[in-house]
C-alpha cells in the first residue's frame, strides 16, 4: 500500500521519542504501507514540524477548514466520506436533575462518584471516568469498560490500550493530546450488554461530560457507543469513517467520526486497514 501526503509532515515534536516513532512505523507496516510519495523531492532538513497540542481557540470557534487530504490508494478520500448532519437523540431525563448545575469536569466526576441510582456502581471494582488532556481538541469515546479498565479505573488500557497508543502514535499523537472516556463509567458484570435502563440512567452523564469537555472533534470507538450517539447507526462497519455533525444538548454541533475499537482489531487484525483509513480522515482534520 502507498500513502500520498503533502510535503509537510506533522508531528508533536516535543513529545515524540524514538520509541514513539518506532511504534508508529510498526503500526504503518502492519497496515501494509511500504512507501510514501510526495509531490516534490524533499530533504530531511526541510521537513517542518507542527505542534498539534497547542492550546485550543476560544469557545467562539471559526468554521473548521480541512488540511490537504491524506488519501489511501483504493479508498474514498476523507472529504467524500460524510453523513448528513444529524442531532443525537435527546438524553433521558431520569435521575439527571443534579446535572443542571454541574459546571466543571471535576464536579461531574465527584457527582458521579456519589451517584447511587445505578446498580452497576455496586458490582464494579472502579469507576472508569477519563484519561488524557481535558482541554484537548479531540475527545475519544470508547466502549463499555472491560475487565482491565475495571481493574485499573482508566479507559482503554491493557492490550487494547497498547494498540490504541500505537494508533495514536501513527498520526503523531499521544494520550496527552486527546481526552478519553467510556460509554459508561462502570463495567457491567461479566461484560454483559448494558440494559436499556442502565443506558437511560448513565447516558445523560456522558452528554454532560461531552458538553463540559467541549471538544472540536469526537472519535467514537466501537459499535455500542456509535449506536448510542449517532442517530440511525447500524453496523459499525457501515458507519465508520464518515464524518457527521451532532449536537449533544448544548446547542453546539460537533464533528464526529466512528471507527473500530482496538479490542475488535485484536480479534480481527485484517480490519486494521479500515482503522488506518479512519485515522487518516482524523489526521486530515486535526493536523
C-alpha atoms as a PDB file:
ATOM      1  CA  UNK A   1       0.000   0.000   0.000  1.00  0.00           C
ATOM      2  CA  UNK A   2       1.238   3.510  -0.795  1.00  0.00           C
ATOM      3  CA  UNK A   3       0.276   6.652   1.089  1.00  0.00           C
ATOM      4  CA  UNK A   4       0.483  10.007  -0.688  1.00  0.00           C
ATOM      5  CA  UNK A   5       0.581  13.063   1.502  1.00  0.00           C
ATOM      6  CA  UNK A   6       1.702  16.675   1.318  1.00  0.00           C
ATOM      7  CA  UNK A   7       5.356  17.527   1.807  1.00  0.00           C
ATOM      8  CA  UNK A   8       4.698  18.939   5.255  1.00  0.00           C
ATOM      9  CA  UNK A   9       4.953  16.245   7.923  1.00  0.00           C
ATOM     10  CA  UNK A  10       3.070  16.846  11.134  1.00  0.00           C
ATOM     11  CA  UNK A  11       4.275  15.553  14.489  1.00  0.00           C
ATOM     12  CA  UNK A  12       4.260  16.526  18.111  1.00  0.00           C
ATOM     13  CA  UNK A  13       7.948  17.301  18.166  1.00  0.00           C
ATOM     14  CA  UNK A  14       8.269  17.941  21.860  1.00  0.00           C
ATOM     15  CA  UNK A  15       6.621  14.660  22.847  1.00  0.00           C
ATOM     16  CA  UNK A  16       7.878  12.234  20.192  1.00  0.00           C
ATOM     17  CA  UNK A  17      10.572   9.795  21.293  1.00  0.00           C
ATOM     18  CA  UNK A  18      12.419   7.111  19.374  1.00  0.00           C
ATOM     19  CA  UNK A  19      10.053   4.518  20.874  1.00  0.00           C
ATOM     20  CA  UNK A  20       7.025   6.569  19.764  1.00  0.00           C
ATOM     21  CA  UNK A  21       8.340   6.807  16.216  1.00  0.00           C
ATOM     22  CA  UNK A  22       9.178   3.100  16.080  1.00  0.00           C
ATOM     23  CA  UNK A  23       5.672   2.282  17.343  1.00  0.00           C
ATOM     24  CA  UNK A  24       4.171   4.480  14.642  1.00  0.00           C
ATOM     25  CA  UNK A  25       6.330   2.829  11.991  1.00  0.00           C
ATOM     26  CA  UNK A  26       5.359  -0.648  13.222  1.00  0.00           C
ATOM     27  CA  UNK A  27       1.662   0.270  13.030  1.00  0.00           C
ATOM     28  CA  UNK A  28       2.022   1.578   9.486  1.00  0.00           C
ATOM     29  CA  UNK A  29       3.890  -1.557   8.444  1.00  0.00           C
ATOM     30  CA  UNK A  30       1.058  -3.652   9.871  1.00  0.00           C
ATOM     31  CA  UNK A  31      -1.297  -1.648   7.669  1.00  0.00           C
ATOM     32  CA  UNK A  32       0.689  -2.727   4.597  1.00  0.00           C
ATOM     33  CA  UNK A  33       2.276   0.669   3.904  1.00  0.00           C
ATOM     34  CA  UNK A  34       5.669   0.218   2.257  1.00  0.00           C
ATOM     35  CA  UNK A  35       6.397   3.643   0.758  1.00  0.00           C
ATOM     36  CA  UNK A  36       5.385   7.297   0.998  1.00  0.00           C
ATOM     37  CA  UNK A  37       5.033   9.512  -2.063  1.00  0.00           C
ATOM     38  CA  UNK A  38       5.273  13.293  -2.045  1.00  0.00           C
ATOM     39  CA  UNK A  39       4.755  15.791  -4.816  1.00  0.00           C
ATOM     40  CA  UNK A  40       8.355  17.041  -4.965  1.00  0.00           C
ATOM     41  CA  UNK A  41      11.771  15.858  -3.758  1.00  0.00           C
ATOM     42  CA  UNK A  42      12.203  16.700  -0.086  1.00  0.00           C
ATOM     43  CA  UNK A  43      15.330  16.985   2.004  1.00  0.00           C
ATOM     44  CA  UNK A  44      15.073  15.784   5.576  1.00  0.00           C
ATOM     45  CA  UNK A  45      16.446  19.156   6.624  1.00  0.00           C
ATOM     46  CA  UNK A  46      13.426  20.935   5.155  1.00  0.00           C
ATOM     47  CA  UNK A  47      10.730  18.878   6.844  1.00  0.00           C
ATOM     48  CA  UNK A  48       8.622  21.064   9.127  1.00  0.00           C
ATOM     49  CA  UNK A  49       7.032  20.112  12.395  1.00  0.00           C
ATOM     50  CA  UNK A  50       3.743  21.328  13.759  1.00  0.00           C
ATOM     51  CA  UNK A  51       2.870  21.070  17.433  1.00  0.00           C
ATOM     52  CA  UNK A  52      -0.754  19.948  17.335  1.00  0.00           C
ATOM     53  CA  UNK A  53      -1.108  20.071  21.104  1.00  0.00           C
ATOM     54  CA  UNK A  54      -1.160  23.880  21.115  1.00  0.00           C
ATOM     55  CA  UNK A  55      -3.998  25.486  23.119  1.00  0.00           C
ATOM     56  CA  UNK A  56      -7.424  25.414  21.520  1.00  0.00           C
ATOM     57  CA  UNK A  57      -9.005  28.575  20.209  1.00  0.00           C
ATOM     58  CA  UNK A  58     -11.600  30.305  22.359  1.00  0.00           C
ATOM     59  CA  UNK A  59     -15.132  28.822  22.522  1.00  0.00           C
ATOM     60  CA  UNK A  60     -16.242  31.165  19.734  1.00  0.00           C
ATOM     61  CA  UNK A  61     -14.697  28.889  17.159  1.00  0.00           C
ATOM     62  CA  UNK A  62     -14.330  29.596  13.476  1.00  0.00           C
ATOM     63  CA  UNK A  63     -15.592  27.093  10.891  1.00  0.00           C
ATOM     64  CA  UNK A  64     -13.210  24.168  10.573  1.00  0.00           C
ATOM     65  CA  UNK A  65     -11.074  24.150   7.429  1.00  0.00           C
ATOM     66  CA  UNK A  66      -9.635  20.798   6.382  1.00  0.00           C
ATOM     67  CA  UNK A  67      -5.962  20.363   5.657  1.00  0.00           C
ATOM     68  CA  UNK A  68      -4.904  18.579   2.488  1.00  0.00           C
ATOM     69  CA  UNK A  69      -6.478  15.138   2.341  1.00  0.00           C
ATOM     70  CA  UNK A  70      -4.448  12.042   3.108  1.00  0.00           C
ATOM     71  CA  UNK A  71      -5.940   9.532   0.611  1.00  0.00           C
ATOM     72  CA  UNK A  72      -5.083   5.868   0.649  1.00  0.00           C
ATOM     73  CA  UNK A  73      -4.836   4.061  -2.662  1.00  0.00           C
ATOM     74  CA  UNK A  74      -8.090   2.307  -3.462  1.00  0.00           C
ATOM     75  CA  UNK A  75     -10.144   4.113  -0.805  1.00  0.00           C
ATOM     76  CA  UNK A  76     -12.514   7.053  -0.756  1.00  0.00           C
ATOM     77  CA  UNK A  77     -10.905  10.294   0.408  1.00  0.00           C
ATOM     78  CA  UNK A  78     -11.981  11.579   3.842  1.00  0.00           C
ATOM     79  CA  UNK A  79     -13.870  14.538   2.344  1.00  0.00           C
ATOM     80  CA  UNK A  80     -16.122  12.147   0.421  1.00  0.00           C
ATOM     81  CA  UNK A  81     -16.970  10.040   3.450  1.00  0.00           C
ATOM     82  CA  UNK A  82     -19.620  12.112   5.165  1.00  0.00           C
ATOM     83  CA  UNK A  83     -23.022  11.614   6.710  1.00  0.00           C
ATOM     84  CA  UNK A  84     -25.798  14.153   6.653  1.00  0.00           C
ATOM     85  CA  UNK A  85     -25.792  16.416   9.737  1.00  0.00           C
ATOM     86  CA  UNK A  86     -27.989  14.982  12.459  1.00  0.00           C
ATOM     87  CA  UNK A  87     -28.932  15.520  16.065  1.00  0.00           C
ATOM     88  CA  UNK A  88     -28.346  12.741  18.559  1.00  0.00           C
ATOM     89  CA  UNK A  89     -31.449  11.586  20.437  1.00  0.00           C
ATOM     90  CA  UNK A  90     -32.052  13.762  23.490  1.00  0.00           C
ATOM     91  CA  UNK A  91     -30.630  12.196  26.645  1.00  0.00           C
ATOM     92  CA  UNK A  92     -33.188  10.662  29.002  1.00  0.00           C
ATOM     93  CA  UNK A  93     -34.136  12.904  31.894  1.00  0.00           C
ATOM     94  CA  UNK A  94     -34.409  10.185  34.537  1.00  0.00           C
ATOM     95  CA  UNK A  95     -32.189  10.938  37.534  1.00  0.00           C
ATOM     96  CA  UNK A  96     -30.434  13.875  35.882  1.00  0.00           C
ATOM     97  CA  UNK A  97     -31.732  16.874  37.799  1.00  0.00           C
ATOM     98  CA  UNK A  98     -28.444  17.139  39.650  1.00  0.00           C
ATOM     99  CA  UNK A  99     -26.562  17.622  36.369  1.00  0.00           C
ATOM    100  CA  UNK A 100     -28.002  21.056  35.680  1.00  0.00           C
ATOM    101  CA  UNK A 101     -25.707  22.956  37.996  1.00  0.00           C
ATOM    102  CA  UNK A 102     -22.530  20.977  37.335  1.00  0.00           C
ATOM    103  CA  UNK A 103     -20.095  23.414  35.738  1.00  0.00           C
ATOM    104  CA  UNK A 104     -16.780  21.551  35.605  1.00  0.00           C
ATOM    105  CA  UNK A 105     -15.423  18.120  34.759  1.00  0.00           C
ATOM    106  CA  UNK A 106     -14.066  17.740  38.288  1.00  0.00           C
ATOM    107  CA  UNK A 107     -17.518  18.459  39.716  1.00  0.00           C
ATOM    108  CA  UNK A 108     -19.085  15.996  37.282  1.00  0.00           C
ATOM    109  CA  UNK A 109     -16.683  13.264  38.372  1.00  0.00           C
ATOM    110  CA  UNK A 110     -17.405  13.946  42.041  1.00  0.00           C
ATOM    111  CA  UNK A 111     -21.159  13.885  41.444  1.00  0.00           C
ATOM    112  CA  UNK A 112     -20.900  10.621  39.517  1.00  0.00           C
ATOM    113  CA  UNK A 113     -18.924   9.046  42.344  1.00  0.00           C
ATOM    114  CA  UNK A 114     -21.851   9.900  44.641  1.00  0.00           C
ATOM    115  CA  UNK A 115     -24.499   8.673  42.183  1.00  0.00           C
ATOM    116  CA  UNK A 116     -26.113   5.543  43.646  1.00  0.00           C
ATOM    117  CA  UNK A 117     -29.110   5.027  41.352  1.00  0.00           C
ATOM    118  CA  UNK A 118     -27.334   2.579  39.008  1.00  0.00           C
ATOM    119  CA  UNK A 119     -26.605  -0.938  40.243  1.00  0.00           C
ATOM    120  CA  UNK A 120     -23.507  -1.186  38.028  1.00  0.00           C
ATOM    121  CA  UNK A 121     -21.673   1.002  40.509  1.00  0.00           C
ATOM    122  CA  UNK A 122     -22.035  -1.653  43.203  1.00  0.00           C
ATOM    123  CA  UNK A 123     -20.705  -4.539  41.095  1.00  0.00           C
ATOM    124  CA  UNK A 124     -17.773  -2.717  39.501  1.00  0.00           C
ATOM    125  CA  UNK A 125     -14.336  -2.530  41.103  1.00  0.00           C
ATOM    126  CA  UNK A 126     -13.627   1.031  39.962  1.00  0.00           C
ATOM    127  CA  UNK A 127     -15.294   3.905  38.184  1.00  0.00           C
ATOM    128  CA  UNK A 128     -13.813   4.491  34.729  1.00  0.00           C
ATOM    129  CA  UNK A 129     -14.136   8.221  34.161  1.00  0.00           C
ATOM    130  CA  UNK A 130     -11.427   9.607  31.889  1.00  0.00           C
ATOM    131  CA  UNK A 131      -7.791   9.819  30.883  1.00  0.00           C
ATOM    132  CA  UNK A 132      -5.690  12.287  28.942  1.00  0.00           C
ATOM    133  CA  UNK A 133      -5.987  16.040  28.454  1.00  0.00           C
ATOM    134  CA  UNK A 134      -9.291  17.663  29.435  1.00  0.00           C
ATOM    135  CA  UNK A 135      -8.571  20.599  27.126  1.00  0.00           C
ATOM    136  CA  UNK A 136      -7.819  18.526  24.030  1.00  0.00           C
ATOM    137  CA  UNK A 137      -9.389  19.286  20.671  1.00  0.00           C
ATOM    138  CA  UNK A 138     -10.227  15.580  20.275  1.00  0.00           C
ATOM    139  CA  UNK A 139     -12.414  13.585  22.664  1.00  0.00           C
ATOM    140  CA  UNK A 140     -12.343   9.798  22.315  1.00  0.00           C
ATOM    141  CA  UNK A 141     -15.365   7.800  23.490  1.00  0.00           C
ATOM    142  CA  UNK A 142     -14.585   4.125  23.954  1.00  0.00           C
ATOM    143  CA  UNK A 143     -16.886   1.173  24.547  1.00  0.00           C
ATOM    144  CA  UNK A 144     -18.196  -0.021  27.904  1.00  0.00           C
ATOM    145  CA  UNK A 145     -15.314  -0.752  30.327  1.00  0.00           C
ATOM    146  CA  UNK A 146     -13.918  -4.275  30.262  1.00  0.00           C
ATOM    147  CA  UNK A 147     -12.018  -6.294  32.845  1.00  0.00           C
ATOM    148  CA  UNK A 148      -8.758  -4.333  32.613  1.00  0.00           C
ATOM    149  CA  UNK A 149     -10.471  -0.945  32.653  1.00  0.00           C
ATOM    150  CA  UNK A 150     -12.493  -2.022  35.682  1.00  0.00           C
ATOM    151  CA  UNK A 151      -9.368  -3.197  37.486  1.00  0.00           C
ATOM    152  CA  UNK A 152      -7.291  -0.089  36.789  1.00  0.00           C
ATOM    153  CA  UNK A 153     -10.016   2.558  36.644  1.00  0.00           C
ATOM    154  CA  UNK A 154      -8.934   4.075  33.308  1.00  0.00           C
ATOM    155  CA  UNK A 155     -10.364   3.747  29.783  1.00  0.00           C
ATOM    156  CA  UNK A 156      -8.533   1.923  27.010  1.00  0.00           C
ATOM    157  CA  UNK A 157      -5.861   0.019  28.920  1.00  0.00           C
ATOM    158  CA  UNK A 158      -4.381  -3.465  28.612  1.00  0.00           C
ATOM    159  CA  UNK A 159      -3.627  -4.955  25.194  1.00  0.00           C
ATOM    160  CA  UNK A 160      -6.342  -2.870  23.517  1.00  0.00           C
ATOM    161  CA  UNK A 161      -4.948   0.247  25.160  1.00  0.00           C
ATOM    162  CA  UNK A 162      -1.456  -0.521  23.910  1.00  0.00           C
ATOM    163  CA  UNK A 163      -2.789  -0.899  20.385  1.00  0.00           C
ATOM    164  CA  UNK A 164      -4.699   2.363  20.782  1.00  0.00           C
ATOM    165  CA  UNK A 165      -1.481   4.117  21.833  1.00  0.00           C
ATOM    166  CA  UNK A 166       0.248   2.819  18.693  1.00  0.00           C
ATOM    167  CA  UNK A 167      -2.666   4.011  16.590  1.00  0.00           C
ATOM    168  CA  UNK A 168      -2.314   7.489  18.066  1.00  0.00           C
ATOM    169  CA  UNK A 169       1.443   7.444  17.537  1.00  0.00           C
ATOM    170  CA  UNK A 170       0.951   6.586  13.876  1.00  0.00           C
ATOM    171  CA  UNK A 171      -0.557  10.058  13.331  1.00  0.00           C
ATOM    172  CA  UNK A 172       1.775  11.877  15.714  1.00  0.00           C
ATOM    173  CA  UNK A 173      -0.430  11.865  18.826  1.00  0.00           C
ATOM    174  CA  UNK A 174      -0.122  10.620  22.392  1.00  0.00           C
ATOM    175  CA  UNK A 175      -2.655  10.294  25.194  1.00  0.00           C
ATOM    176  CA  UNK A 176      -1.588  13.736  26.359  1.00  0.00           C
ATOM    177  CA  UNK A 177      -3.001  15.149  23.106  1.00  0.00           C
ATOM    178  CA  UNK A 178      -6.503  13.649  23.467  1.00  0.00           C
ATOM    179  CA  UNK A 179      -9.221  13.252  26.096  1.00  0.00           C
ATOM    180  CA  UNK A 180     -10.613   9.743  26.599  1.00  0.00           C
ATOM    181  CA  UNK A 181     -13.756   8.466  28.278  1.00  0.00           C
ATOM    182  CA  UNK A 182     -16.054   5.426  28.057  1.00  0.00           C
ATOM    183  CA  UNK A 183     -19.665   4.950  27.046  1.00  0.00           C
ATOM    184  CA  UNK A 184     -20.491   4.029  30.654  1.00  0.00           C
ATOM    185  CA  UNK A 185     -18.450   4.678  33.806  1.00  0.00           C
ATOM    186  CA  UNK A 186     -18.836   1.168  35.239  1.00  0.00           C
ATOM    187  CA  UNK A 187     -18.291  -2.304  33.838  1.00  0.00           C
ATOM    188  CA  UNK A 188     -21.414  -4.489  33.594  1.00  0.00           C
ATOM    189  CA  UNK A 189     -20.826  -7.773  35.449  1.00  0.00           C
ATOM    190  CA  UNK A 190     -19.446 -10.495  33.218  1.00  0.00           C
ATOM    191  CA  UNK A 191     -19.056  -7.990  30.374  1.00  0.00           C
ATOM    192  CA  UNK A 192     -22.753  -8.362  29.591  1.00  0.00           C
ATOM    193  CA  UNK A 193     -24.574  -5.864  27.394  1.00  0.00           C
ATOM    194  CA  UNK A 194     -25.923  -2.897  29.401  1.00  0.00           C
ATOM    195  CA  UNK A 195     -29.686  -2.864  29.855  1.00  0.00           C
ATOM    196  CA  UNK A 196     -31.853  -0.103  28.423  1.00  0.00           C
ATOM    197  CA  UNK A 197     -32.499   1.113  31.978  1.00  0.00           C
ATOM    198  CA  UNK A 198     -28.767   1.384  32.677  1.00  0.00           C
ATOM    199  CA  UNK A 199     -28.227   3.274  29.442  1.00  0.00           C
ATOM    200  CA  UNK A 200     -31.085   5.653  30.256  1.00  0.00           C
ATOM    201  CA  UNK A 201     -29.568   6.403  33.660  1.00  0.00           C
ATOM    202  CA  UNK A 202     -25.994   6.920  32.511  1.00  0.00           C
ATOM    203  CA  UNK A 203     -26.126   8.426  29.020  1.00  0.00           C
ATOM    204  CA  UNK A 204     -27.045  11.888  30.362  1.00  0.00           C
ATOM    205  CA  UNK A 205     -23.779  11.864  32.301  1.00  0.00           C
ATOM    206  CA  UNK A 206     -21.873  11.207  29.090  1.00  0.00           C
ATOM    207  CA  UNK A 207     -23.713  14.022  27.324  1.00  0.00           C
ATOM    208  CA  UNK A 208     -22.795  16.407  30.135  1.00  0.00           C
ATOM    209  CA  UNK A 209     -19.214  15.148  30.010  1.00  0.00           C
ATOM    210  CA  UNK A 210     -19.024  15.997  26.304  1.00  0.00           C
ATOM    211  CA  UNK A 211     -20.550  19.420  26.925  1.00  0.00           C
ATOM    212  CA  UNK A 212     -18.031  20.264  29.648  1.00  0.00           C
ATOM    213  CA  UNK A 213     -15.027  18.920  27.732  1.00  0.00           C
ATOM    214  CA  UNK A 214     -16.169  20.969  24.717  1.00  0.00           C
ATOM    215  CA  UNK A 215     -14.031  19.197  22.100  1.00  0.00           C
ATOM    216  CA  UNK A 216     -13.919  20.245  18.470  1.00  0.00           C
ATOM    217  CA  UNK A 217     -13.911  16.632  17.321  1.00  0.00           C
ATOM    218  CA  UNK A 218     -15.239  13.371  18.756  1.00  0.00           C
ATOM    219  CA  UNK A 219     -13.859   9.938  17.868  1.00  0.00           C
ATOM    220  CA  UNK A 220     -16.199   7.061  18.749  1.00  0.00           C
ATOM    221  CA  UNK A 221     -14.599   3.634  19.081  1.00  0.00           C
ATOM    222  CA  UNK A 222     -16.871   0.618  18.790  1.00  0.00           C
ATOM    223  CA  UNK A 223     -20.378  -0.354  17.796  1.00  0.00           C
ATOM    224  CA  UNK A 224     -22.119   0.230  21.139  1.00  0.00           C
ATOM    225  CA  UNK A 225     -21.127   3.898  21.559  1.00  0.00           C
ATOM    226  CA  UNK A 226     -21.761   4.516  17.858  1.00  0.00           C
ATOM    227  CA  UNK A 227     -25.337   3.229  18.173  1.00  0.00           C
ATOM    228  CA  UNK A 228     -25.866   5.241  21.353  1.00  0.00           C
ATOM    229  CA  UNK A 229     -24.576   8.544  19.981  1.00  0.00           C
ATOM    230  CA  UNK A 230     -25.004   8.529  16.185  1.00  0.00           C
ATOM    231  CA  UNK A 231     -28.635   8.636  15.026  1.00  0.00           C
ATOM    232  CA  UNK A 232     -29.613   5.688  12.883  1.00  0.00           C
ATOM    233  CA  UNK A 233     -26.239   3.991  13.251  1.00  0.00           C
ATOM    234  CA  UNK A 234     -26.319   0.318  12.386  1.00  0.00           C
ATOM    235  CA  UNK A 235     -23.250  -1.837  11.955  1.00  0.00           C
ATOM    236  CA  UNK A 236     -20.009  -0.141  12.941  1.00  0.00           C
ATOM    237  CA  UNK A 237     -18.543  -1.381   9.647  1.00  0.00           C
ATOM    238  CA  UNK A 238     -21.134   0.713   7.799  1.00  0.00           C
ATOM    239  CA  UNK A 239     -20.964   3.887   9.878  1.00  0.00           C
ATOM    240  CA  UNK A 240     -17.189   4.041  10.471  1.00  0.00           C
ATOM    241  CA  UNK A 241     -15.007   6.533   8.655  1.00  0.00           C
ATOM    242  CA  UNK A 242     -17.806   9.013   7.936  1.00  0.00           C
ATOM    243  CA  UNK A 243     -17.925  12.484   9.443  1.00  0.00           C
ATOM    244  CA  UNK A 244     -21.212  13.796  10.791  1.00  0.00           C
ATOM    245  CA  UNK A 245     -22.222  16.777  12.909  1.00  0.00           C
ATOM    246  CA  UNK A 246     -24.016  16.006  16.169  1.00  0.00           C
ATOM    247  CA  UNK A 247     -25.428  18.339  18.790  1.00  0.00           C
ATOM    248  CA  UNK A 248     -25.143  16.893  22.295  1.00  0.00           C
ATOM    249  CA  UNK A 249     -27.710  19.028  24.080  1.00  0.00           C
ATOM    250  CA  UNK A 250     -25.756  22.277  24.364  1.00  0.00           C
ATOM    251  CA  UNK A 251     -26.601  23.848  21.009  1.00  0.00           C
ATOM    252  CA  UNK A 252     -23.130  23.240  19.540  1.00  0.00           C
ATOM    253  CA  UNK A 253     -22.687  20.904  16.601  1.00  0.00           C
ATOM    254  CA  UNK A 254     -19.512  18.855  16.877  1.00  0.00           C
ATOM    255  CA  UNK A 255     -17.826  16.845  14.164  1.00  0.00           C
ATOM    256  CA  UNK A 256     -17.981  13.145  14.977  1.00  0.00           C
ATOM    257  CA  UNK A 257     -16.364  10.115  13.359  1.00  0.00           C
ATOM    258  CA  UNK A 258     -16.637   6.451  14.369  1.00  0.00           C
ATOM    259  CA  UNK A 259     -14.023   3.747  13.983  1.00  0.00           C
ATOM    260  CA  UNK A 260     -13.298   0.188  15.035  1.00  0.00           C
ATOM    261  CA  UNK A 261     -12.450  -0.492  18.659  1.00  0.00           C
ATOM    262  CA  UNK A 262      -8.882  -1.692  19.304  1.00  0.00           C
ATOM    263  CA  UNK A 263     -10.273  -4.765  21.071  1.00  0.00           C
ATOM    264  CA  UNK A 264     -12.059  -5.700  17.850  1.00  0.00           C
ATOM    265  CA  UNK A 265      -8.885  -5.109  15.853  1.00  0.00           C
ATOM    266  CA  UNK A 266      -7.005  -7.524  18.104  1.00  0.00           C
ATOM    267  CA  UNK A 267      -9.576 -10.194  17.247  1.00  0.00           C
ATOM    268  CA  UNK A 268      -9.814  -9.221  13.567  1.00  0.00           C
ATOM    269  CA  UNK A 269      -6.396  -7.903  12.512  1.00  0.00           C
ATOM    270  CA  UNK A 270      -7.378  -7.892   8.842  1.00  0.00           C
ATOM    271  CA  UNK A 271      -9.641  -4.917   9.627  1.00  0.00           C
ATOM    272  CA  UNK A 272      -6.679  -2.746  10.641  1.00  0.00           C
ATOM    273  CA  UNK A 273      -6.624  -1.357   7.111  1.00  0.00           C
ATOM    274  CA  UNK A 274     -10.066   0.148   7.714  1.00  0.00           C
ATOM    275  CA  UNK A 275      -8.903   1.634  11.000  1.00  0.00           C
ATOM    276  CA  UNK A 276      -5.897   3.149   9.244  1.00  0.00           C
ATOM    277  CA  UNK A 277      -8.190   4.832   6.720  1.00  0.00           C
ATOM    278  CA  UNK A 278     -10.209   6.272   9.609  1.00  0.00           C
ATOM    279  CA  UNK A 279      -7.030   7.556  11.262  1.00  0.00           C
ATOM    280  CA  UNK A 280      -6.103   9.351   8.049  1.00  0.00           C
ATOM    281  CA  UNK A 281      -9.524  11.012   7.990  1.00  0.00           C
ATOM    282  CA  UNK A 282      -8.990  12.090  11.594  1.00  0.00           C
ATOM    283  CA  UNK A 283      -5.471  13.372  10.930  1.00  0.00           C
ATOM    284  CA  UNK A 284      -6.797  15.347   7.983  1.00  0.00           C
ATOM    285  CA  UNK A 285      -8.982  17.336  10.389  1.00  0.00           C
ATOM    286  CA  UNK A 286      -6.561  17.694  13.283  1.00  0.00           C
ATOM    287  CA  UNK A 287      -3.286  18.437  11.552  1.00  0.00           C
END
